[in-house]
């Protein structure tokens, strides 16, 4: 296999510079996001996982039920993929201070620091997911949650494997009245 060195150099340089060219979501755009305010009760999300590298495009819906006891938000996610697969995940977010949480979930490594800044919440974690062959693989998710209005939240995530971006997730949640 022949490797075009100029093409490889462009790819490596582009990959190295790309993060500095992307403008992160402005923290103060829109209303403030307080996880327990938005997720207490029921929400419904419609989403899409895309991995151009693997040739995957996987739509899904997620129904959530959240309870908050004054310190801890328990968020149960009922996820249904368009291909028929279903799964349930339970997040536990312990409020550790204003705009700060520690998150935990099964199949997620360790405690996840969660930070809110105005209308944006960010968290990064490693999750074990089933690969196409059914075997577990560990992927890194970098989530950004942005409150668009009182009833709508956009959750986007970059998905990485061994440090390389392999996909994205986008979910739009609507809060039930």
N, C-alpha and C. Protein backbone atom coordinates (compact mmCIF):
# COMPACT_ATOMS: atom_id res chain seq x y z
N UNK A 1 0.85 -1.18 0.00
CA UNK A 1 0.00 0.00 0.00
C UNK A 1 0.89 1.24 0.00
N UNK A 2 0.64 2.14 -0.92
CA UNK A 2 1.42 3.37 -1.02
C UNK A 2 0.77 4.46 -0.19
N UNK A 3 1.59 5.18 0.54
CA UNK A 3 1.10 6.29 1.36
C UNK A 3 1.64 7.58 0.78
N UNK A 4 0.75 8.49 0.44
CA UNK A 4 1.13 9.81 -0.04
C UNK A 4 1.55 10.63 1.18
N UNK A 5 2.83 10.91 1.30
CA UNK A 5 3.34 11.61 2.49
C UNK A 5 2.75 13.00 2.64
N UNK A 6 2.56 13.72 1.54
CA UNK A 6 1.96 15.05 1.65
C UNK A 6 0.54 14.96 2.17
N UNK A 7 -0.22 13.99 1.66
CA UNK A 7 -1.60 13.80 2.12
C UNK A 7 -1.63 13.42 3.59
N UNK A 8 -0.73 12.55 4.00
CA UNK A 8 -0.66 12.15 5.39
C UNK A 8 -0.29 13.34 6.27
N UNK A 9 0.67 14.16 5.84
CA UNK A 9 1.05 15.35 6.61
C UNK A 9 -0.12 16.31 6.74
N UNK A 10 -0.87 16.51 5.64
CA UNK A 10 -2.04 17.40 5.69
C UNK A 10 -3.07 16.87 6.69
N UNK A 11 -3.29 15.55 6.65
CA UNK A 11 -4.26 14.95 7.57
C UNK A 11 -3.84 15.15 9.02
N UNK A 12 -2.58 14.86 9.33
CA UNK A 12 -2.09 14.99 10.70
C UNK A 12 -2.13 16.44 11.15
N UNK A 13 -1.70 17.37 10.30
CA UNK A 13 -1.74 18.79 10.63
C UNK A 13 -3.18 19.26 10.82
N UNK A 14 -4.07 18.84 9.93
CA UNK A 14 -5.48 19.21 10.04
C UNK A 14 -6.09 18.67 11.32
N UNK A 15 -5.78 17.42 11.66
CA UNK A 15 -6.32 16.82 12.89
C UNK A 15 -5.79 17.55 14.12
N UNK A 16 -4.54 17.99 14.06
CA UNK A 16 -3.95 18.69 15.20
C UNK A 16 -4.54 20.09 15.37
N UNK A 17 -4.84 20.76 14.27
CA UNK A 17 -5.33 22.13 14.34
C UNK A 17 -6.84 22.23 14.48
N UNK A 18 -7.57 21.21 14.07
CA UNK A 18 -9.04 21.28 14.05
C UNK A 18 -9.65 21.71 15.38
N UNK A 19 -9.21 21.16 16.53
CA UNK A 19 -9.85 21.59 17.77
C UNK A 19 -9.72 23.08 18.04
N UNK A 20 -8.63 23.69 17.61
CA UNK A 20 -8.45 25.12 17.87
C UNK A 20 -9.30 25.99 16.95
N UNK A 21 -9.81 25.41 15.86
CA UNK A 21 -10.62 26.17 14.92
C UNK A 21 -12.10 26.13 15.25
N UNK A 22 -12.51 25.21 16.10
CA UNK A 22 -13.92 25.07 16.45
C UNK A 22 -14.24 25.98 17.62
N UNK A 23 -15.26 26.79 17.48
CA UNK A 23 -15.68 27.70 18.55
C UNK A 23 -16.62 26.94 19.47
N UNK A 24 -16.27 26.77 20.76
CA UNK A 24 -17.18 26.09 21.66
C UNK A 24 -18.45 26.89 21.86
N UNK A 25 -19.52 26.18 22.22
CA UNK A 25 -20.79 26.87 22.47
C UNK A 25 -20.59 27.91 23.57
N UNK A 26 -21.12 29.08 23.34
CA UNK A 26 -20.98 30.14 24.33
C UNK A 26 -21.80 29.79 25.57
N UNK A 27 -21.18 29.88 26.72
CA UNK A 27 -21.83 29.46 27.96
C UNK A 27 -23.02 30.33 28.31
N UNK A 28 -22.98 31.60 28.00
CA UNK A 28 -24.03 32.49 28.44
C UNK A 28 -25.14 32.69 27.41
N UNK A 29 -25.09 31.95 26.30
CA UNK A 29 -26.17 32.02 25.32
C UNK A 29 -27.38 31.29 25.88
N UNK A 30 -28.53 31.94 25.89
CA UNK A 30 -29.77 31.28 26.30
C UNK A 30 -29.93 31.22 27.81
N UNK A 31 -31.04 30.59 28.23
CA UNK A 31 -31.34 30.50 29.66
C UNK A 31 -30.38 29.55 30.39
N UNK A 32 -30.21 29.71 31.72
CA UNK A 32 -29.32 28.82 32.46
C UNK A 32 -29.88 27.40 32.49
N UNK A 33 -29.00 26.41 32.46
CA UNK A 33 -29.40 25.01 32.50
C UNK A 33 -29.08 24.44 33.88
N UNK A 34 -30.12 24.03 34.59
CA UNK A 34 -29.99 23.34 35.87
C UNK A 34 -30.55 21.94 35.64
N UNK A 35 -29.68 20.92 35.73
CA UNK A 35 -30.08 19.56 35.36
C UNK A 35 -31.36 19.11 36.03
N UNK A 36 -31.45 19.33 37.35
CA UNK A 36 -32.63 18.84 38.07
C UNK A 36 -33.91 19.59 37.68
N UNK A 37 -33.79 20.83 37.25
CA UNK A 37 -34.97 21.56 36.80
C UNK A 37 -35.49 21.00 35.48
N UNK A 38 -34.58 20.70 34.57
CA UNK A 38 -35.02 20.21 33.27
C UNK A 38 -35.45 18.75 33.32
N UNK A 39 -34.66 17.91 34.00
CA UNK A 39 -34.89 16.46 33.91
C UNK A 39 -35.79 15.87 34.99
N UNK A 40 -36.22 16.65 35.99
CA UNK A 40 -37.19 16.11 36.94
C UNK A 40 -38.52 15.97 36.21
N UNK A 41 -39.12 14.81 36.31
CA UNK A 41 -40.35 14.52 35.56
C UNK A 41 -39.99 13.70 34.33
N UNK A 42 -40.74 13.93 33.25
CA UNK A 42 -40.57 13.15 32.03
C UNK A 42 -40.09 14.02 30.87
N UNK A 43 -39.19 13.45 30.07
CA UNK A 43 -38.79 14.08 28.81
C UNK A 43 -38.78 12.99 27.74
N UNK A 44 -38.83 13.42 26.49
CA UNK A 44 -38.67 12.51 25.36
C UNK A 44 -37.64 13.11 24.43
N UNK A 45 -36.70 12.26 24.01
CA UNK A 45 -35.67 12.70 23.10
C UNK A 45 -35.69 11.90 21.81
N UNK A 46 -35.37 12.57 20.72
CA UNK A 46 -35.16 11.88 19.45
C UNK A 46 -33.71 12.14 19.07
N UNK A 47 -33.04 11.07 18.67
CA UNK A 47 -31.62 11.23 18.42
C UNK A 47 -31.09 10.38 17.29
N UNK A 48 -29.82 10.60 17.02
CA UNK A 48 -29.14 9.91 15.94
C UNK A 48 -27.67 9.72 16.31
N UNK A 49 -27.20 8.47 16.19
CA UNK A 49 -25.77 8.18 16.31
C UNK A 49 -25.26 7.97 14.89
N UNK A 50 -24.17 8.65 14.53
CA UNK A 50 -23.58 8.52 13.20
C UNK A 50 -22.09 8.24 13.36
N UNK A 51 -21.63 7.21 12.64
CA UNK A 51 -20.21 6.91 12.56
C UNK A 51 -19.84 6.68 11.10
N UNK A 52 -19.34 7.73 10.43
CA UNK A 52 -18.96 7.57 9.02
C UNK A 52 -17.88 6.50 8.83
N UNK A 53 -16.98 6.38 9.78
CA UNK A 53 -15.90 5.40 9.68
C UNK A 53 -16.46 3.99 9.63
N UNK A 54 -17.46 3.70 10.48
CA UNK A 54 -18.05 2.36 10.54
C UNK A 54 -19.24 2.20 9.61
N UNK A 55 -19.65 3.30 8.95
CA UNK A 55 -20.81 3.23 8.07
C UNK A 55 -22.11 3.04 8.84
N UNK A 56 -22.19 3.63 10.05
CA UNK A 56 -23.37 3.45 10.91
C UNK A 56 -24.17 4.74 10.98
N UNK A 57 -25.47 4.59 10.85
CA UNK A 57 -26.43 5.68 11.05
C UNK A 57 -27.58 5.06 11.82
N UNK A 58 -27.70 5.40 13.11
CA UNK A 58 -28.62 4.69 13.99
C UNK A 58 -29.55 5.63 14.74
N UNK A 59 -30.77 5.83 14.22
CA UNK A 59 -31.75 6.68 14.90
C UNK A 59 -32.29 5.99 16.16
N UNK A 60 -32.71 6.80 17.13
CA UNK A 60 -33.29 6.25 18.35
C UNK A 60 -34.19 7.26 19.02
N UNK A 61 -35.00 6.78 19.96
CA UNK A 61 -35.75 7.65 20.84
C UNK A 61 -35.35 7.30 22.27
N UNK A 62 -35.46 8.26 23.15
CA UNK A 62 -35.16 8.02 24.56
C UNK A 62 -36.21 8.73 25.40
N UNK A 63 -36.85 7.95 26.26
CA UNK A 63 -37.80 8.51 27.23
C UNK A 63 -37.10 8.51 28.57
N UNK A 64 -37.16 9.64 29.29
CA UNK A 64 -36.50 9.72 30.58
C UNK A 64 -37.52 10.00 31.68
N UNK A 65 -37.19 9.50 32.87
CA UNK A 65 -37.94 9.80 34.09
C UNK A 65 -36.91 10.24 35.11
N UNK A 66 -37.08 11.45 35.65
CA UNK A 66 -36.12 11.97 36.61
C UNK A 66 -36.77 12.31 37.93
N UNK A 67 -36.06 11.98 39.03
CA UNK A 67 -36.50 12.38 40.37
C UNK A 67 -35.34 13.08 41.05
N UNK A 68 -35.67 14.09 41.87
CA UNK A 68 -34.65 14.87 42.57
C UNK A 68 -35.07 15.00 44.02
N UNK A 69 -34.18 14.63 44.95
CA UNK A 69 -34.49 14.66 46.38
C UNK A 69 -33.88 15.85 47.12
N UNK A 70 -33.40 16.83 46.37
CA UNK A 70 -32.76 17.98 46.98
C UNK A 70 -31.25 17.92 46.88
N UNK A 71 -30.70 16.73 46.63
CA UNK A 71 -29.25 16.56 46.47
C UNK A 71 -28.89 15.71 45.26
N UNK A 72 -29.71 14.69 44.97
CA UNK A 72 -29.39 13.72 43.93
C UNK A 72 -30.49 13.64 42.88
N UNK A 73 -30.08 13.76 41.62
CA UNK A 73 -30.98 13.55 40.49
C UNK A 73 -30.77 12.12 40.01
N UNK A 74 -31.84 11.32 40.01
CA UNK A 74 -31.81 9.99 39.41
C UNK A 74 -32.53 10.10 38.08
N UNK A 75 -31.82 9.80 37.00
CA UNK A 75 -32.38 9.94 35.66
C UNK A 75 -32.35 8.58 34.97
N UNK A 76 -33.52 8.01 34.76
CA UNK A 76 -33.64 6.71 34.09
C UNK A 76 -33.95 6.96 32.62
N UNK A 77 -33.12 6.36 31.75
CA UNK A 77 -33.28 6.51 30.31
C UNK A 77 -33.76 5.19 29.71
N UNK A 78 -34.86 5.24 28.98
CA UNK A 78 -35.38 4.08 28.25
C UNK A 78 -35.12 4.36 26.77
N UNK A 79 -34.14 3.65 26.21
CA UNK A 79 -33.66 3.94 24.87
C UNK A 79 -34.19 2.85 23.92
N UNK A 80 -34.77 3.28 22.80
CA UNK A 80 -35.28 2.36 21.78
C UNK A 80 -34.68 2.76 20.43
N UNK A 81 -33.86 1.86 19.87
CA UNK A 81 -33.25 2.12 18.56
C UNK A 81 -34.22 1.71 17.46
N UNK A 82 -34.11 2.39 16.33
CA UNK A 82 -34.99 2.10 15.21
C UNK A 82 -34.86 0.65 14.74
N UNK A 83 -33.69 0.03 14.96
CA UNK A 83 -33.48 -1.36 14.53
C UNK A 83 -34.10 -2.38 15.48
N UNK A 84 -34.78 -1.90 16.55
CA UNK A 84 -35.47 -2.81 17.47
C UNK A 84 -34.76 -3.05 18.79
N UNK A 85 -33.47 -2.73 18.88
CA UNK A 85 -32.74 -2.94 20.13
C UNK A 85 -33.21 -1.92 21.17
N UNK A 86 -33.34 -2.39 22.42
CA UNK A 86 -33.75 -1.52 23.53
C UNK A 86 -32.76 -1.67 24.67
N UNK A 87 -32.58 -0.59 25.42
CA UNK A 87 -31.74 -0.65 26.61
C UNK A 87 -32.22 0.40 27.61
N UNK A 88 -31.86 0.15 28.86
CA UNK A 88 -32.19 1.08 29.94
C UNK A 88 -30.89 1.46 30.63
N UNK A 89 -30.75 2.74 30.91
CA UNK A 89 -29.57 3.23 31.62
C UNK A 89 -30.05 4.16 32.74
N UNK A 90 -29.37 4.11 33.87
CA UNK A 90 -29.73 4.97 34.99
C UNK A 90 -28.52 5.82 35.37
N UNK A 91 -28.69 7.13 35.28
CA UNK A 91 -27.67 8.08 35.71
C UNK A 91 -28.01 8.54 37.13
N UNK A 92 -26.97 8.75 37.92
CA UNK A 92 -27.11 9.35 39.25
C UNK A 92 -26.21 10.58 39.26
N UNK A 93 -26.83 11.76 39.45
CA UNK A 93 -26.08 13.01 39.50
C UNK A 93 -26.18 13.57 40.92
N UNK A 94 -25.07 13.54 41.65
CA UNK A 94 -25.02 14.12 43.00
C UNK A 94 -24.57 15.57 42.88
N UNK A 95 -25.39 16.48 43.38
CA UNK A 95 -25.06 17.91 43.32
C UNK A 95 -23.98 18.18 44.36
N UNK A 96 -22.84 18.68 43.92
CA UNK A 96 -21.71 18.92 44.83
C UNK A 96 -21.48 20.41 45.09
N UNK A 97 -22.24 21.24 44.40
CA UNK A 97 -22.12 22.68 44.57
C UNK A 97 -22.93 23.36 43.50
N UNK A 98 -22.94 24.70 43.52
CA UNK A 98 -23.66 25.41 42.47
C UNK A 98 -23.06 25.05 41.10
N UNK A 99 -23.89 24.55 40.21
CA UNK A 99 -23.48 24.21 38.84
C UNK A 99 -22.45 23.09 38.76
N UNK A 100 -22.36 22.24 39.81
CA UNK A 100 -21.40 21.13 39.81
C UNK A 100 -22.09 19.86 40.27
N UNK A 101 -21.78 18.77 39.58
CA UNK A 101 -22.34 17.46 39.89
C UNK A 101 -21.26 16.41 39.71
N UNK A 102 -21.45 15.28 40.38
CA UNK A 102 -20.69 14.07 40.11
C UNK A 102 -21.69 13.07 39.56
N UNK A 103 -21.42 12.56 38.35
CA UNK A 103 -22.33 11.62 37.71
C UNK A 103 -21.79 10.21 37.73
N UNK A 104 -22.71 9.25 37.80
CA UNK A 104 -22.35 7.83 37.74
C UNK A 104 -23.42 7.09 36.97
N UNK A 105 -22.99 6.04 36.25
CA UNK A 105 -23.93 5.21 35.50
C UNK A 105 -23.29 3.86 35.29
N UNK A 106 -24.10 2.82 35.24
CA UNK A 106 -23.54 1.50 34.94
C UNK A 106 -22.91 1.55 33.55
N UNK A 107 -21.88 0.79 33.37
CA UNK A 107 -21.10 0.72 32.13
C UNK A 107 -20.37 2.03 31.80
N UNK A 108 -20.24 2.90 32.80
CA UNK A 108 -19.43 4.12 32.66
C UNK A 108 -18.33 4.05 33.71
N UNK A 109 -17.10 4.28 33.29
CA UNK A 109 -15.95 4.16 34.18
C UNK A 109 -15.89 5.32 35.16
N UNK A 110 -15.88 5.00 36.46
CA UNK A 110 -15.63 5.99 37.50
C UNK A 110 -16.72 7.04 37.66
N UNK A 111 -16.32 8.11 38.35
CA UNK A 111 -17.22 9.24 38.61
C UNK A 111 -16.98 10.29 37.52
N UNK A 112 -18.06 10.82 36.99
CA UNK A 112 -18.00 11.78 35.88
C UNK A 112 -18.20 13.19 36.42
N UNK A 113 -17.17 14.07 36.34
CA UNK A 113 -17.37 15.46 36.73
C UNK A 113 -18.28 16.15 35.71
N UNK A 114 -19.32 16.81 36.21
CA UNK A 114 -20.30 17.49 35.36
C UNK A 114 -20.30 18.96 35.78
N UNK A 115 -20.11 19.85 34.80
CA UNK A 115 -20.02 21.27 35.10
C UNK A 115 -21.00 22.06 34.25
N UNK A 116 -21.75 22.93 34.89
CA UNK A 116 -22.68 23.82 34.19
C UNK A 116 -22.08 25.21 34.14
N UNK A 117 -22.27 25.87 33.03
CA UNK A 117 -21.82 27.25 32.87
C UNK A 117 -22.89 27.97 32.07
N UNK A 118 -23.78 28.67 32.77
CA UNK A 118 -24.90 29.33 32.10
C UNK A 118 -25.83 28.31 31.50
N UNK A 119 -26.09 28.42 30.21
CA UNK A 119 -27.02 27.52 29.53
C UNK A 119 -26.39 26.26 28.99
N UNK A 120 -25.13 25.96 29.38
CA UNK A 120 -24.42 24.81 28.84
C UNK A 120 -23.90 23.93 29.98
N UNK A 121 -24.06 22.61 29.80
CA UNK A 121 -23.49 21.63 30.73
C UNK A 121 -22.55 20.74 29.92
N UNK A 122 -21.37 20.46 30.48
CA UNK A 122 -20.40 19.60 29.80
C UNK A 122 -19.98 18.45 30.71
N UNK A 123 -19.77 17.29 30.07
CA UNK A 123 -19.24 16.15 30.79
C UNK A 123 -18.58 15.19 29.80
N UNK A 124 -17.51 14.56 30.27
CA UNK A 124 -16.79 13.58 29.46
C UNK A 124 -16.65 12.29 30.23
N UNK A 125 -16.82 11.17 29.53
CA UNK A 125 -16.78 9.87 30.22
C UNK A 125 -16.45 8.76 29.24
N UNK A 126 -16.02 7.62 29.78
CA UNK A 126 -15.76 6.42 28.99
C UNK A 126 -16.87 5.44 29.29
N UNK A 127 -17.54 4.97 28.24
CA UNK A 127 -18.66 4.03 28.40
C UNK A 127 -18.36 2.75 27.63
N UNK A 128 -18.82 1.65 28.18
CA UNK A 128 -18.71 0.37 27.50
C UNK A 128 -19.99 0.16 26.70
N UNK A 129 -19.83 -0.04 25.39
CA UNK A 129 -20.97 -0.26 24.50
C UNK A 129 -20.74 -1.55 23.71
N UNK A 130 -21.81 -2.08 23.16
CA UNK A 130 -21.69 -3.29 22.34
C UNK A 130 -21.27 -2.91 20.94
N UNK A 131 -20.24 -3.59 20.44
CA UNK A 131 -19.80 -3.38 19.07
C UNK A 131 -20.72 -4.11 18.10
N UNK A 132 -20.47 -3.98 16.81
CA UNK A 132 -21.29 -4.63 15.79
C UNK A 132 -21.29 -6.15 15.96
N UNK A 133 -20.19 -6.68 16.50
CA UNK A 133 -20.10 -8.13 16.71
C UNK A 133 -20.66 -8.56 18.06
N UNK A 134 -21.21 -7.62 18.82
CA UNK A 134 -21.78 -7.93 20.13
C UNK A 134 -20.77 -7.87 21.27
N UNK A 135 -19.49 -7.73 20.94
CA UNK A 135 -18.46 -7.66 21.97
C UNK A 135 -18.37 -6.25 22.52
N UNK A 136 -18.08 -6.11 23.83
CA UNK A 136 -18.00 -4.77 24.41
C UNK A 136 -16.75 -4.03 23.96
N UNK A 137 -16.95 -2.73 23.70
CA UNK A 137 -15.81 -1.85 23.42
C UNK A 137 -15.99 -0.59 24.26
N UNK A 138 -14.87 0.07 24.57
CA UNK A 138 -14.92 1.28 25.38
C UNK A 138 -14.75 2.49 24.48
N UNK A 139 -15.72 3.40 24.57
CA UNK A 139 -15.70 4.62 23.78
C UNK A 139 -15.72 5.82 24.71
N UNK A 140 -15.06 6.89 24.31
CA UNK A 140 -15.07 8.13 25.08
C UNK A 140 -16.11 9.07 24.49
N UNK A 141 -16.97 9.60 25.35
CA UNK A 141 -18.01 10.54 24.95
C UNK A 141 -17.69 11.90 25.57
N UNK A 142 -17.78 12.95 24.77
CA UNK A 142 -17.64 14.33 25.23
C UNK A 142 -18.98 15.01 24.96
N UNK A 143 -19.81 15.09 26.00
CA UNK A 143 -21.17 15.61 25.85
C UNK A 143 -21.24 17.10 26.14
N UNK A 144 -22.08 17.78 25.37
CA UNK A 144 -22.45 19.17 25.62
C UNK A 144 -23.97 19.23 25.58
N UNK A 145 -24.56 19.70 26.67
CA UNK A 145 -26.00 19.87 26.76
C UNK A 145 -26.28 21.36 26.76
N UNK A 146 -27.19 21.78 25.89
CA UNK A 146 -27.50 23.22 25.78
C UNK A 146 -29.01 23.39 25.84
N UNK A 147 -29.43 24.22 26.77
CA UNK A 147 -30.85 24.54 26.91
C UNK A 147 -31.22 25.55 25.83
N UNK A 148 -32.16 25.16 24.96
CA UNK A 148 -32.58 26.05 23.88
C UNK A 148 -33.72 26.96 24.30
N UNK A 149 -34.64 26.41 25.09
CA UNK A 149 -35.72 27.18 25.71
C UNK A 149 -36.19 26.37 26.91
N UNK A 150 -37.24 26.81 27.59
CA UNK A 150 -37.66 26.16 28.84
C UNK A 150 -38.03 24.70 28.65
N UNK A 151 -38.41 24.28 27.44
CA UNK A 151 -38.85 22.90 27.21
C UNK A 151 -37.95 22.10 26.28
N UNK A 152 -36.88 22.70 25.73
CA UNK A 152 -36.08 22.02 24.71
C UNK A 152 -34.60 22.05 25.08
N UNK A 153 -33.96 20.88 25.01
CA UNK A 153 -32.54 20.75 25.31
C UNK A 153 -31.87 19.98 24.19
N UNK A 154 -30.73 20.47 23.73
CA UNK A 154 -29.95 19.80 22.70
C UNK A 154 -28.71 19.18 23.34
N UNK A 155 -28.56 17.86 23.16
CA UNK A 155 -27.40 17.12 23.67
C UNK A 155 -26.59 16.65 22.47
N UNK A 156 -25.36 17.14 22.33
CA UNK A 156 -24.47 16.67 21.28
C UNK A 156 -23.26 16.03 21.93
N UNK A 157 -22.68 15.05 21.24
CA UNK A 157 -21.50 14.38 21.79
C UNK A 157 -20.58 13.96 20.65
N UNK A 158 -19.29 14.15 20.88
CA UNK A 158 -18.28 13.55 20.03
C UNK A 158 -17.93 12.21 20.65
N UNK A 159 -17.77 11.20 19.81
CA UNK A 159 -17.47 9.85 20.27
C UNK A 159 -16.09 9.48 19.75
N UNK A 160 -15.23 9.02 20.67
CA UNK A 160 -13.84 8.71 20.31
C UNK A 160 -13.47 7.28 20.71
N UNK A 161 -12.61 6.68 19.88
CA UNK A 161 -12.04 5.37 20.16
C UNK A 161 -10.54 5.50 19.99
N UNK A 162 -9.79 5.17 21.04
CA UNK A 162 -8.34 5.30 21.03
C UNK A 162 -7.90 6.72 20.63
N UNK A 163 -8.68 7.73 21.06
CA UNK A 163 -8.34 9.12 20.82
C UNK A 163 -8.82 9.67 19.49
N UNK A 164 -9.29 8.82 18.59
CA UNK A 164 -9.75 9.29 17.29
C UNK A 164 -11.26 9.44 17.28
N UNK A 165 -11.74 10.52 16.70
CA UNK A 165 -13.18 10.73 16.60
C UNK A 165 -13.76 9.73 15.62
N UNK A 166 -14.70 8.91 16.11
CA UNK A 166 -15.31 7.88 15.27
C UNK A 166 -16.79 8.13 15.03
N UNK A 167 -17.37 9.10 15.72
CA UNK A 167 -18.79 9.34 15.50
C UNK A 167 -19.30 10.52 16.30
N UNK A 168 -20.60 10.77 16.13
CA UNK A 168 -21.28 11.83 16.86
C UNK A 168 -22.66 11.33 17.28
N UNK A 169 -23.16 11.94 18.34
CA UNK A 169 -24.52 11.69 18.80
C UNK A 169 -25.19 13.05 18.91
N UNK A 170 -26.44 13.12 18.48
CA UNK A 170 -27.23 14.34 18.67
C UNK A 170 -28.62 13.92 19.12
N UNK A 171 -29.06 14.48 20.25
CA UNK A 171 -30.39 14.18 20.80
C UNK A 171 -31.07 15.51 21.15
N UNK A 172 -32.32 15.66 20.74
CA UNK A 172 -33.12 16.80 21.13
C UNK A 172 -34.19 16.31 22.10
N UNK A 173 -34.14 16.84 23.33
CA UNK A 173 -35.09 16.46 24.38
C UNK A 173 -36.19 17.51 24.48
N UNK A 174 -37.42 17.05 24.64
CA UNK A 174 -38.56 17.92 24.92
C UNK A 174 -39.13 17.54 26.27
N UNK A 175 -39.31 18.53 27.13
CA UNK A 175 -39.85 18.30 28.47
C UNK A 175 -41.37 18.23 28.38
N UNK A 176 -41.95 17.19 29.01
CA UNK A 176 -43.40 17.07 29.08
C UNK A 176 -43.92 18.16 30.00
N UNK A 177 -45.11 18.63 29.71
CA UNK A 177 -45.71 19.67 30.56
C UNK A 177 -46.30 19.05 31.80
